[in-house]
Amino acid sequence: MDIGTDHALVPSFAALRGTCERAVGVDLRPEPLRRARQTLRTLGVEGQVELVLGDGLGAVKEPEKTTVVIAGLSGKTMLSWCEKELETVRRLDKLVVQPNGHLSALRAWAYESGLWLLDERICQERDRFFVSCAFASRQGGDPAYENLPVSMQAGFELGPWLVRRGDPLASQCYLRERRRLAGLVGLGLAEHRELFAIYDGICSA
């Protein structure tokens, strides 16, 4: 299930790849769903993807059998949906998010809510980096954060699996963020010093 589906590219791709038995695209407004129907017609997957008018995670009816994808939306929006529907999230087979900002807050919320960070991946499109995270409810402590070579706060910010793997693309992302934060600190914006220290530490390691 793709929430905030817009053009329905995610469920269409899943249907074309055969990676799910049933794909669902959800959006809050009729206009995006109109565009989504055009995508389904163009790609020939009208019979494989269902489109639903709904509000966030409230549209999930069978969480135990469902993998939910939320991509390309504000991290704050995703976090508000997840906080509102925590019990639904805990019952999902898997939650995959690719937020535009505030990913550290999502990682921290998931950890505090008993969700494991199963995996995370980074990609680059032109001059932008995008990180996707997969969460699921599990028992016990999250292995992603066990014996982490950085602090928990740094793990939430940088991504524990990206740090463990020494992902070269993540390293490029860290260097860019370090430069940005160094400029802000240089302007006297002291509120950015703590975050700069995290990126400075990983870039100097």
N, C-alpha and C. Protein backbone atom coordinates (compact mmCIF):
# COMPACT_ATOMS: atom_id res chain seq x y z
N MET A 1 0.84 -1.19 0.00
CA MET A 1 0.00 0.00 0.00
C MET A 1 0.88 1.24 0.00
N ASP A 2 0.62 2.12 -0.97
CA ASP A 2 1.37 3.38 -1.10
C ASP A 2 0.48 4.52 -0.66
N ILE A 3 0.86 5.17 0.45
CA ILE A 3 0.05 6.26 0.99
C ILE A 3 0.61 7.60 0.53
N GLY A 4 -0.28 8.46 0.03
CA GLY A 4 0.16 9.68 -0.63
C GLY A 4 0.66 9.34 -2.02
N THR A 5 -0.10 8.52 -2.72
CA THR A 5 0.38 7.87 -3.95
C THR A 5 0.59 8.83 -5.11
N ASP A 6 -0.18 9.92 -5.16
CA ASP A 6 -0.06 10.91 -6.25
C ASP A 6 -0.24 10.24 -7.61
N HIS A 7 0.82 10.03 -8.37
CA HIS A 7 0.71 9.44 -9.70
C HIS A 7 0.66 7.91 -9.68
N ALA A 8 0.69 7.30 -8.50
CA ALA A 8 0.62 5.84 -8.35
C ALA A 8 1.79 5.12 -9.00
N LEU A 9 2.94 5.76 -9.03
CA LEU A 9 4.12 5.11 -9.62
C LEU A 9 4.61 3.94 -8.77
N VAL A 10 4.57 4.08 -7.44
CA VAL A 10 5.06 3.01 -6.57
C VAL A 10 4.21 1.74 -6.70
N PRO A 11 2.88 1.80 -6.55
CA PRO A 11 2.11 0.56 -6.69
C PRO A 11 2.14 0.01 -8.11
N SER A 12 2.23 0.89 -9.11
CA SER A 12 2.32 0.42 -10.50
C SER A 12 3.61 -0.36 -10.72
N PHE A 13 4.71 0.16 -10.18
CA PHE A 13 5.99 -0.51 -10.31
C PHE A 13 5.95 -1.86 -9.60
N ALA A 14 5.34 -1.89 -8.41
CA ALA A 14 5.23 -3.14 -7.67
C ALA A 14 4.42 -4.17 -8.46
N ALA A 15 3.34 -3.71 -9.09
CA ALA A 15 2.51 -4.62 -9.89
C ALA A 15 3.28 -5.14 -11.11
N LEU A 16 4.01 -4.27 -11.76
CA LEU A 16 4.77 -4.66 -12.95
C LEU A 16 5.89 -5.64 -12.59
N ARG A 17 6.48 -5.45 -11.41
CA ARG A 17 7.57 -6.33 -10.96
C ARG A 17 7.04 -7.64 -10.39
N GLY A 18 5.74 -7.68 -10.07
CA GLY A 18 5.18 -8.88 -9.46
C GLY A 18 5.63 -9.09 -8.04
N THR A 19 5.94 -8.01 -7.33
CA THR A 19 6.47 -8.12 -5.96
C THR A 19 5.37 -8.18 -4.90
N CYS A 20 4.12 -8.08 -5.31
CA CYS A 20 3.02 -8.16 -4.34
C CYS A 20 1.80 -8.78 -5.02
N GLU A 21 0.95 -9.39 -4.21
CA GLU A 21 -0.27 -9.99 -4.74
C GLU A 21 -1.30 -8.93 -5.09
N ARG A 22 -1.28 -7.86 -4.31
CA ARG A 22 -2.28 -6.80 -4.50
C ARG A 22 -1.67 -5.47 -4.10
N ALA A 23 -1.76 -4.48 -4.97
CA ALA A 23 -1.20 -3.15 -4.71
C ALA A 23 -2.32 -2.14 -4.57
N VAL A 24 -2.13 -1.22 -3.63
CA VAL A 24 -3.15 -0.20 -3.35
C VAL A 24 -2.48 1.16 -3.28
N GLY A 25 -3.06 2.14 -3.94
CA GLY A 25 -2.60 3.52 -3.86
C GLY A 25 -3.63 4.36 -3.12
N VAL A 26 -3.19 5.12 -2.13
CA VAL A 26 -4.09 5.92 -1.29
C VAL A 26 -3.72 7.39 -1.41
N ASP A 27 -4.72 8.23 -1.56
CA ASP A 27 -4.47 9.67 -1.51
C ASP A 27 -5.67 10.37 -0.89
N LEU A 28 -5.40 11.54 -0.35
CA LEU A 28 -6.42 12.28 0.39
C LEU A 28 -7.38 13.02 -0.52
N ARG A 29 -6.91 13.35 -1.74
CA ARG A 29 -7.70 14.21 -2.62
C ARG A 29 -8.04 13.51 -3.94
N PRO A 30 -9.17 13.86 -4.54
CA PRO A 30 -9.58 13.22 -5.80
C PRO A 30 -8.64 13.51 -6.97
N GLU A 31 -8.05 14.72 -7.04
CA GLU A 31 -7.24 15.08 -8.19
C GLU A 31 -6.01 14.17 -8.35
N PRO A 32 -5.25 13.90 -7.29
CA PRO A 32 -4.14 12.96 -7.46
C PRO A 32 -4.60 11.57 -7.91
N LEU A 33 -5.75 11.15 -7.43
CA LEU A 33 -6.25 9.83 -7.84
C LEU A 33 -6.65 9.83 -9.32
N ARG A 34 -7.09 10.97 -9.82
CA ARG A 34 -7.38 11.07 -11.26
C ARG A 34 -6.09 10.87 -12.06
N ARG A 35 -5.01 11.52 -11.61
CA ARG A 35 -3.71 11.33 -12.27
C ARG A 35 -3.24 9.89 -12.14
N ALA A 36 -3.51 9.30 -10.98
CA ALA A 36 -3.10 7.92 -10.74
C ALA A 36 -3.80 6.97 -11.71
N ARG A 37 -5.08 7.20 -11.97
CA ARG A 37 -5.81 6.33 -12.90
C ARG A 37 -5.22 6.40 -14.30
N GLN A 38 -4.78 7.58 -14.69
CA GLN A 38 -4.13 7.73 -15.99
C GLN A 38 -2.84 6.93 -16.04
N THR A 39 -2.08 6.94 -14.94
CA THR A 39 -0.85 6.14 -14.88
C THR A 39 -1.16 4.66 -15.03
N LEU A 40 -2.18 4.19 -14.34
CA LEU A 40 -2.55 2.78 -14.43
C LEU A 40 -2.93 2.39 -15.85
N ARG A 41 -3.69 3.27 -16.52
CA ARG A 41 -4.08 2.99 -17.90
C ARG A 41 -2.86 2.96 -18.81
N THR A 42 -1.99 3.93 -18.62
CA THR A 42 -0.80 4.01 -19.47
C THR A 42 0.08 2.78 -19.33
N LEU A 43 0.23 2.28 -18.09
CA LEU A 43 1.12 1.15 -17.83
C LEU A 43 0.42 -0.20 -17.92
N GLY A 44 -0.90 -0.17 -18.13
CA GLY A 44 -1.64 -1.42 -18.30
C GLY A 44 -1.78 -2.23 -17.04
N VAL A 45 -1.91 -1.58 -15.89
CA VAL A 45 -2.02 -2.31 -14.62
C VAL A 45 -3.32 -1.97 -13.89
N GLU A 46 -4.34 -1.54 -14.63
CA GLU A 46 -5.61 -1.14 -14.00
C GLU A 46 -6.22 -2.27 -13.17
N GLY A 47 -6.06 -3.51 -13.62
CA GLY A 47 -6.65 -4.63 -12.91
C GLY A 47 -5.82 -5.11 -11.73
N GLN A 48 -4.64 -4.54 -11.55
CA GLN A 48 -3.73 -5.01 -10.50
C GLN A 48 -3.56 -4.02 -9.35
N VAL A 49 -3.99 -2.78 -9.56
CA VAL A 49 -3.81 -1.74 -8.55
C VAL A 49 -5.15 -1.11 -8.21
N GLU A 50 -5.46 -1.09 -6.93
CA GLU A 50 -6.68 -0.44 -6.45
C GLU A 50 -6.34 0.96 -5.94
N LEU A 51 -7.18 1.93 -6.26
CA LEU A 51 -6.99 3.30 -5.79
C LEU A 51 -8.05 3.63 -4.75
N VAL A 52 -7.60 4.23 -3.64
CA VAL A 52 -8.48 4.48 -2.51
C VAL A 52 -8.36 5.93 -2.07
N LEU A 53 -9.50 6.57 -1.86
CA LEU A 53 -9.52 7.91 -1.28
C LEU A 53 -9.49 7.74 0.24
N GLY A 54 -8.41 8.22 0.87
CA GLY A 54 -8.28 8.01 2.31
C GLY A 54 -7.28 8.95 2.93
N ASP A 55 -7.28 8.98 4.25
CA ASP A 55 -6.44 9.90 5.01
C ASP A 55 -5.34 9.14 5.74
N GLY A 56 -4.15 9.13 5.16
CA GLY A 56 -2.99 8.55 5.82
C GLY A 56 -3.16 7.10 6.20
N LEU A 57 -2.57 6.74 7.34
CA LEU A 57 -2.60 5.35 7.81
C LEU A 57 -3.99 4.91 8.24
N GLY A 58 -4.91 5.84 8.36
CA GLY A 58 -6.28 5.48 8.68
C GLY A 58 -6.93 4.66 7.57
N ALA A 59 -6.33 4.64 6.38
CA ALA A 59 -6.88 3.88 5.26
C ALA A 59 -6.49 2.40 5.30
N VAL A 60 -5.57 2.04 6.21
CA VAL A 60 -5.11 0.64 6.29
C VAL A 60 -6.17 -0.20 7.01
N LYS A 61 -6.65 -1.24 6.35
CA LYS A 61 -7.72 -2.07 6.91
C LYS A 61 -7.20 -3.41 7.45
N GLU A 62 -6.14 -3.97 6.84
CA GLU A 62 -5.59 -5.26 7.28
C GLU A 62 -4.10 -5.11 7.52
N PRO A 63 -3.70 -4.46 8.60
CA PRO A 63 -2.29 -4.17 8.81
C PRO A 63 -1.40 -5.40 8.90
N GLU A 64 -1.91 -6.51 9.44
CA GLU A 64 -1.07 -7.70 9.61
C GLU A 64 -0.55 -8.23 8.28
N LYS A 65 -1.25 -7.95 7.20
CA LYS A 65 -0.86 -8.48 5.89
C LYS A 65 -0.28 -7.41 4.97
N THR A 66 -0.06 -6.24 5.51
CA THR A 66 0.22 -5.09 4.65
C THR A 66 1.61 -4.51 4.85
N THR A 67 2.28 -4.25 3.75
CA THR A 67 3.48 -3.41 3.74
C THR A 67 3.05 -2.03 3.25
N VAL A 68 3.34 -1.02 4.05
CA VAL A 68 2.97 0.35 3.71
C VAL A 68 4.20 1.12 3.28
N VAL A 69 4.08 1.86 2.19
CA VAL A 69 5.13 2.74 1.70
C VAL A 69 4.62 4.18 1.78
N ILE A 70 5.43 5.05 2.38
CA ILE A 70 5.13 6.49 2.38
C ILE A 70 6.39 7.17 1.89
N ALA A 71 6.33 7.75 0.71
CA ALA A 71 7.53 8.31 0.08
C ALA A 71 7.26 9.71 -0.48
N GLY A 72 8.29 10.55 -0.37
CA GLY A 72 8.24 11.85 -1.01
C GLY A 72 7.42 12.89 -0.29
N LEU A 73 7.04 12.61 0.95
CA LEU A 73 6.28 13.58 1.73
C LEU A 73 7.16 14.14 2.85
N SER A 74 6.68 15.18 3.49
CA SER A 74 7.39 15.76 4.62
C SER A 74 7.55 14.74 5.75
N GLY A 75 8.74 14.72 6.35
CA GLY A 75 8.96 13.84 7.48
C GLY A 75 8.05 14.17 8.64
N LYS A 76 7.73 15.44 8.81
CA LYS A 76 6.81 15.85 9.87
C LYS A 76 5.42 15.27 9.65
N THR A 77 4.98 15.26 8.39
CA THR A 77 3.68 14.68 8.07
C THR A 77 3.67 13.19 8.37
N MET A 78 4.73 12.49 7.94
CA MET A 78 4.82 11.06 8.20
C MET A 78 4.80 10.77 9.69
N LEU A 79 5.56 11.54 10.45
CA LEU A 79 5.65 11.33 11.88
C LEU A 79 4.29 11.54 12.56
N SER A 80 3.57 12.57 12.12
CA SER A 80 2.24 12.83 12.71
C SER A 80 1.28 11.68 12.41
N TRP A 81 1.34 11.13 11.18
CA TRP A 81 0.51 9.98 10.83
C TRP A 81 0.85 8.78 11.70
N CYS A 82 2.15 8.53 11.85
CA CYS A 82 2.60 7.35 12.61
C CYS A 82 2.24 7.47 14.08
N GLU A 83 2.41 8.65 14.64
CA GLU A 83 2.05 8.85 16.05
C GLU A 83 0.56 8.66 16.27
N LYS A 84 -0.23 9.14 15.33
CA LYS A 84 -1.69 9.04 15.44
C LYS A 84 -2.16 7.60 15.32
N GLU A 85 -1.48 6.81 14.50
CA GLU A 85 -1.90 5.43 14.22
C GLU A 85 -0.83 4.43 14.66
N LEU A 86 -0.27 4.64 15.86
CA LEU A 86 0.83 3.79 16.32
C LEU A 86 0.46 2.32 16.35
N GLU A 87 -0.72 1.98 16.85
CA GLU A 87 -1.10 0.57 16.94
C GLU A 87 -1.22 -0.06 15.56
N THR A 88 -1.69 0.72 14.58
CA THR A 88 -1.73 0.21 13.20
C THR A 88 -0.32 -0.04 12.70
N VAL A 89 0.58 0.89 12.94
CA VAL A 89 1.97 0.73 12.50
C VAL A 89 2.59 -0.51 13.12
N ARG A 90 2.34 -0.74 14.40
CA ARG A 90 2.92 -1.90 15.08
C ARG A 90 2.43 -3.22 14.51
N ARG A 91 1.26 -3.21 13.91
CA ARG A 91 0.69 -4.45 13.36
C ARG A 91 1.03 -4.65 11.88
N LEU A 92 1.64 -3.65 11.25
CA LEU A 92 2.01 -3.78 9.85
C LEU A 92 3.06 -4.87 9.65
N ASP A 93 3.03 -5.48 8.50
CA ASP A 93 4.11 -6.40 8.12
C ASP A 93 5.42 -5.62 8.01
N LYS A 94 5.33 -4.42 7.42
CA LYS A 94 6.51 -3.56 7.28
C LYS A 94 6.07 -2.15 6.92
N LEU A 95 6.81 -1.16 7.42
CA LEU A 95 6.59 0.24 7.05
C LEU A 95 7.86 0.76 6.40
N VAL A 96 7.74 1.22 5.17
CA VAL A 96 8.88 1.77 4.42
C VAL A 96 8.64 3.26 4.21
N VAL A 97 9.59 4.09 4.64
CA VAL A 97 9.43 5.53 4.50
C VAL A 97 10.63 6.12 3.75
N GLN A 98 10.33 7.13 2.96
CA GLN A 98 11.37 7.95 2.32
C GLN A 98 10.92 9.39 2.49
N PRO A 99 11.28 10.00 3.62
CA PRO A 99 10.78 11.35 3.91
C PRO A 99 11.66 12.44 3.32
N ASN A 100 11.05 13.58 3.10
CA ASN A 100 11.80 14.78 2.73
C ASN A 100 12.09 15.57 4.00
N GLY A 101 13.17 15.19 4.68
CA GLY A 101 13.56 15.86 5.91
C GLY A 101 13.04 15.15 7.15
N HIS A 102 13.66 15.46 8.30
CA HIS A 102 13.26 14.98 9.62
C HIS A 102 13.31 13.45 9.74
N LEU A 103 14.24 12.82 9.01
CA LEU A 103 14.38 11.37 9.12
C LEU A 103 14.91 10.97 10.49
N SER A 104 15.77 11.80 11.08
CA SER A 104 16.30 11.47 12.40
C SER A 104 15.17 11.37 13.43
N ALA A 105 14.19 12.25 13.32
CA ALA A 105 13.05 12.21 14.24
C ALA A 105 12.24 10.94 14.03
N LEU A 106 12.10 10.50 12.79
CA LEU A 106 11.38 9.26 12.51
C LEU A 106 12.13 8.05 13.07
N ARG A 107 13.45 8.03 12.89
CA ARG A 107 14.24 6.92 13.44
C ARG A 107 14.10 6.87 14.97
N ALA A 108 14.21 8.03 15.60
CA ALA A 108 14.12 8.09 17.07
C ALA A 108 12.74 7.65 17.54
N TRP A 109 11.70 8.11 16.87
CA TRP A 109 10.33 7.72 17.23
C TRP A 109 10.16 6.22 17.09
N ALA A 110 10.64 5.65 16.00
CA ALA A 110 10.50 4.21 15.77
C ALA A 110 11.21 3.42 16.88
N TYR A 111 12.41 3.84 17.23
CA TYR A 111 13.18 3.16 18.28
C TYR A 111 12.42 3.20 19.60
N GLU A 112 11.92 4.37 19.96
CA GLU A 112 11.21 4.53 21.23
C GLU A 112 9.86 3.80 21.23
N SER A 113 9.34 3.51 20.04
CA SER A 113 8.04 2.84 19.92
C SER A 113 8.17 1.32 19.77
N GLY A 114 9.39 0.80 19.86
CA GLY A 114 9.59 -0.64 19.77
C GLY A 114 9.62 -1.18 18.36
N LEU A 115 9.89 -0.32 17.38
CA LEU A 115 10.02 -0.76 15.99
C LEU A 115 11.49 -0.92 15.65
N TRP A 116 11.82 -2.01 14.99
CA TRP A 116 13.19 -2.21 14.54
C TRP A 116 13.41 -1.54 13.19
N LEU A 117 14.59 -1.00 13.02
CA LEU A 117 15.01 -0.49 11.71
C LEU A 117 15.63 -1.68 10.97
N LEU A 118 14.84 -2.31 10.11
CA LEU A 118 15.28 -3.52 9.43
C LEU A 118 16.37 -3.25 8.41
N ASP A 119 16.25 -2.14 7.73
CA ASP A 119 17.24 -1.81 6.70
C ASP A 119 17.06 -0.35 6.30
N GLU A 120 18.08 0.20 5.69
CA GLU A 120 18.00 1.55 5.12
C GLU A 120 18.95 1.64 3.93
N ARG A 121 18.55 2.40 2.94
CA ARG A 121 19.32 2.55 1.70
C ARG A 121 19.34 4.02 1.30
N ILE A 122 20.42 4.42 0.67
CA ILE A 122 20.55 5.80 0.19
C ILE A 122 20.77 5.78 -1.31
N CYS A 123 20.18 6.75 -1.98
CA CYS A 123 20.40 6.91 -3.42
C CYS A 123 20.56 8.39 -3.72
N GLN A 124 21.02 8.68 -4.90
CA GLN A 124 21.23 10.06 -5.32
C GLN A 124 20.56 10.30 -6.66
N GLU A 125 19.82 11.39 -6.75
CA GLU A 125 19.23 11.81 -8.02
C GLU A 125 19.66 13.25 -8.27
N ARG A 126 20.46 13.43 -9.30
CA ARG A 126 21.06 14.72 -9.58
C ARG A 126 21.87 15.17 -8.37
N ASP A 127 21.51 16.28 -7.75
CA ASP A 127 22.30 16.77 -6.62
C ASP A 127 21.63 16.53 -5.28
N ARG A 128 20.65 15.61 -5.24
CA ARG A 128 19.94 15.36 -3.99
C ARG A 128 20.13 13.91 -3.55
N PHE A 129 20.21 13.73 -2.23
CA PHE A 129 20.30 12.40 -1.65
C PHE A 129 18.95 12.03 -1.02
N PHE A 130 18.58 10.75 -1.16
CA PHE A 130 17.34 10.26 -0.59
C PHE A 130 17.61 8.99 0.19
N VAL A 131 17.08 8.92 1.40
CA VAL A 131 17.25 7.74 2.25
C VAL A 131 15.90 7.10 2.49
N SER A 132 15.85 5.77 2.33
CA SER A 132 14.64 5.00 2.61
C SER A 132 14.92 4.07 3.78
N CYS A 133 13.95 3.96 4.68
CA CYS A 133 14.08 3.11 5.86
C CYS A 133 12.91 2.15 5.94
N ALA A 134 13.19 0.91 6.36
CA ALA A 134 12.16 -0.09 6.55
C ALA A 134 12.07 -0.43 8.03
N PHE A 135 10.88 -0.29 8.60
CA PHE A 135 10.64 -0.55 10.02
C PHE A 135 9.61 -1.67 10.19
N ALA A 136 9.71 -2.38 11.31
CA ALA A 136 8.71 -3.37 11.66
C ALA A 136 8.77 -3.61 13.16
N SER A 137 7.63 -3.98 13.73
CA SER A 137 7.56 -4.25 15.17
C SER A 137 8.22 -5.59 15.46
N ARG A 138 9.13 -5.60 16.43
CA ARG A 138 9.82 -6.81 16.84
C ARG A 138 10.01 -6.78 18.36
N GLN A 139 10.32 -7.94 18.93
CA GLN A 139 10.55 -8.04 20.36
C GLN A 139 12.02 -7.80 20.69
N GLY A 140 12.28 -7.14 21.81
CA GLY A 140 13.66 -6.93 22.24
C GLY A 140 14.27 -5.67 21.66
N GLY A 141 15.55 -5.49 21.94
CA GLY A 141 16.26 -4.31 21.45
C GLY A 141 16.56 -4.39 19.97
N ASP A 142 16.61 -3.26 19.35
CA ASP A 142 16.85 -3.17 17.90
C ASP A 142 18.33 -3.44 17.61
N PRO A 143 18.66 -4.50 16.85
CA PRO A 143 20.06 -4.80 16.54
C PRO A 143 20.76 -3.69 15.76
N ALA A 144 20.00 -2.84 15.09
CA ALA A 144 20.62 -1.77 14.31
C ALA A 144 21.44 -0.84 15.19
N TYR A 145 21.06 -0.73 16.46
CA TYR A 145 21.73 0.22 17.35
C TYR A 145 22.64 -0.45 18.37
N GLU A 146 22.78 -1.78 18.30
CA GLU A 146 23.63 -2.48 19.25
C GLU A 146 25.10 -2.30 18.87
N ASN A 147 25.93 -1.94 19.86
CA ASN A 147 27.37 -1.75 19.66
C ASN A 147 27.67 -0.81 18.50
N LEU A 148 26.86 0.21 18.37
CA LEU A 148 27.04 1.19 17.30
C LEU A 148 28.29 2.03 17.59
N PRO A 149 29.14 2.27 16.59
CA PRO A 149 30.38 3.01 16.83
C PRO A 149 30.20 4.51 17.00
N VAL A 150 28.97 4.98 17.06
CA VAL A 150 28.67 6.39 17.31
C VAL A 150 27.60 6.45 18.39
N SER A 151 27.29 7.63 18.89
CA SER A 151 26.25 7.78 19.91
C SER A 151 24.88 7.48 19.33
N MET A 152 23.91 7.25 20.20
CA MET A 152 22.54 7.01 19.74
C MET A 152 22.02 8.21 18.96
N GLN A 153 22.29 9.40 19.46
CA GLN A 153 21.83 10.60 18.76
C GLN A 153 22.42 10.66 17.36
N ALA A 154 23.71 10.32 17.25
CA ALA A 154 24.35 10.30 15.94
C ALA A 154 23.76 9.20 15.07
N GLY A 155 23.42 8.07 15.69
CA GLY A 155 22.80 6.98 14.93
C GLY A 155 21.47 7.40 14.33
N PHE A 156 20.66 8.10 15.14
CA PHE A 156 19.38 8.59 14.61
C PHE A 156 19.60 9.56 13.45
N GLU A 157 20.61 10.39 13.55
CA GLU A 157 20.87 11.41 12.53
C GLU A 157 21.49 10.81 11.26
N LEU A 158 22.47 9.95 11.43
CA LEU A 158 23.25 9.45 10.29
C LEU A 158 22.67 8.18 9.67
N GLY A 159 21.98 7.39 10.49
CA GLY A 159 21.49 6.10 10.03
C GLY A 159 22.42 4.99 10.44
N PRO A 160 22.01 4.12 11.38
CA PRO A 160 22.93 3.11 11.90
C PRO A 160 23.44 2.11 10.87
N TRP A 161 22.57 1.68 9.95
CA TRP A 161 23.03 0.72 8.95
C TRP A 161 23.96 1.37 7.94
N LEU A 162 23.70 2.63 7.61
CA LEU A 162 24.59 3.34 6.69
C LEU A 162 25.98 3.51 7.31
N VAL A 163 26.00 3.80 8.61
CA VAL A 163 27.28 3.95 9.32
C VAL A 163 28.00 2.62 9.38
N ARG A 164 27.31 1.54 9.72
CA ARG A 164 27.94 0.23 9.84
C ARG A 164 28.55 -0.23 8.52
N ARG A 165 27.83 0.04 7.43
CA ARG A 165 28.29 -0.42 6.12
C ARG A 165 29.41 0.45 5.55
N GLY A 166 29.58 1.65 6.12
CA GLY A 166 30.53 2.59 5.52
C GLY A 166 30.14 2.93 4.11
N ASP A 167 28.84 3.12 3.90
CA ASP A 167 28.29 3.36 2.56
C ASP A 167 28.96 4.57 1.92
N PRO A 168 29.60 4.39 0.76
CA PRO A 168 30.31 5.52 0.13
C PRO A 168 29.39 6.66 -0.27
N LEU A 169 28.19 6.35 -0.69
CA LEU A 169 27.25 7.42 -1.06
C LEU A 169 26.81 8.18 0.19
N ALA A 170 26.62 7.45 1.29
CA ALA A 170 26.30 8.12 2.55
C ALA A 170 27.44 9.03 2.98
N SER A 171 28.67 8.59 2.76
CA SER A 171 29.83 9.42 3.12
C SER A 171 29.82 10.73 2.36
N GLN A 172 29.44 10.69 1.08
CA GLN A 172 29.32 11.92 0.30
C GLN A 172 28.24 12.83 0.88
N CYS A 173 27.12 12.21 1.27
CA CYS A 173 26.02 12.97 1.88
C CYS A 173 26.46 13.63 3.18
N TYR A 174 27.20 12.88 4.00
CA TYR A 174 27.69 13.42 5.27
C TYR A 174 28.63 14.60 5.05
N LEU A 175 29.52 14.48 4.07
CA LEU A 175 30.47 15.56 3.78
C LEU A 175 29.74 16.83 3.35
N ARG A 176 28.73 16.67 2.54
CA ARG A 176 27.97 17.84 2.09
C ARG A 176 27.25 18.51 3.26
N GLU A 177 26.66 17.67 4.13
CA GLU A 177 25.94 18.23 5.27
C GLU A 177 26.92 18.90 6.25
N ARG A 178 28.10 18.32 6.39
CA ARG A 178 29.12 18.93 7.25
C ARG A 178 29.48 20.32 6.74
N ARG A 179 29.68 20.45 5.43
CA ARG A 179 30.01 21.76 4.85
C ARG A 179 28.89 22.76 5.09
N ARG A 180 27.65 22.31 4.90
CA ARG A 180 26.51 23.21 5.11
C ARG A 180 26.45 23.69 6.55
N LEU A 181 26.58 22.76 7.48
CA LEU A 181 26.50 23.10 8.90
C LEU A 181 27.69 23.95 9.33
N ALA A 182 28.86 23.69 8.76
CA ALA A 182 30.05 24.50 9.08
C ALA A 182 29.81 25.95 8.69
N GLY A 183 29.15 26.16 7.55
CA GLY A 183 28.83 27.52 7.13
C GLY A 183 27.88 28.21 8.07
N LEU A 184 26.89 27.46 8.56
CA LEU A 184 25.93 28.04 9.50
C LEU A 184 26.58 28.37 10.85
N VAL A 185 27.43 27.45 11.33
CA VAL A 185 28.14 27.71 12.58
C VAL A 185 29.08 28.89 12.42
N GLY A 186 29.70 28.99 11.24
CA GLY A 186 30.60 30.11 10.96
C GLY A 186 29.89 31.45 10.96
N LEU A 187 28.60 31.43 10.69
CA LEU A 187 27.81 32.66 10.72
C LEU A 187 27.36 33.02 12.15
N GLY A 188 27.76 32.18 13.10
CA GLY A 188 27.40 32.45 14.49
C GLY A 188 26.11 31.81 14.95
N LEU A 189 25.57 30.88 14.16
CA LEU A 189 24.32 30.21 14.51
C LEU A 189 24.65 29.02 15.41
N ALA A 190 24.77 29.30 16.70
CA ALA A 190 25.25 28.31 17.67
C ALA A 190 24.35 27.09 17.78
N GLU A 191 23.07 27.23 17.43
CA GLU A 191 22.14 26.11 17.58
C GLU A 191 22.49 24.94 16.66
N HIS A 192 23.38 25.18 15.70
CA HIS A 192 23.77 24.12 14.77
C HIS A 192 25.06 23.41 15.17
N ARG A 193 25.68 23.83 16.27
CA ARG A 193 26.98 23.28 16.65
C ARG A 193 26.91 21.79 16.99
N GLU A 194 25.88 21.39 17.72
CA GLU A 194 25.76 19.99 18.12
C GLU A 194 25.60 19.08 16.91
N LEU A 195 24.79 19.51 15.96
CA LEU A 195 24.60 18.72 14.75
C LEU A 195 25.88 18.71 13.92
N PHE A 196 26.56 19.84 13.85
CA PHE A 196 27.82 19.90 13.13
C PHE A 196 28.83 18.92 13.72
N ALA A 197 28.86 18.82 15.05
CA ALA A 197 29.80 17.92 15.71
C ALA A 197 29.57 16.47 15.30
N ILE A 198 28.30 16.09 15.09
CA ILE A 198 28.00 14.73 14.66
C ILE A 198 28.60 14.46 13.28
N TYR A 199 28.37 15.37 12.35
CA TYR A 199 28.88 15.17 11.00
C TYR A 199 30.38 15.34 10.93
N ASP A 200 30.92 16.23 11.72
CA ASP A 200 32.36 16.40 11.76
C ASP A 200 33.02 15.13 12.28
N GLY A 201 32.39 14.51 13.29
CA GLY A 201 32.95 13.29 13.87
C GLY A 201 32.95 12.14 12.87
N ILE A 202 31.86 11.94 12.15
CA ILE A 202 31.81 10.81 11.21
C ILE A 202 32.70 11.06 10.01
N CYS A 203 32.84 12.31 9.59
CA CYS A 203 33.69 12.63 8.43
C CYS A 203 35.17 12.54 8.77
N SER A 204 35.48 12.69 10.05
CA SER A 204 36.88 12.65 10.49
C SER A 204 37.32 11.26 10.91
N ALA A 205 36.36 10.35 11.00
CA ALA A 205 36.68 8.99 11.52
C ALA A 205 37.53 8.20 10.51
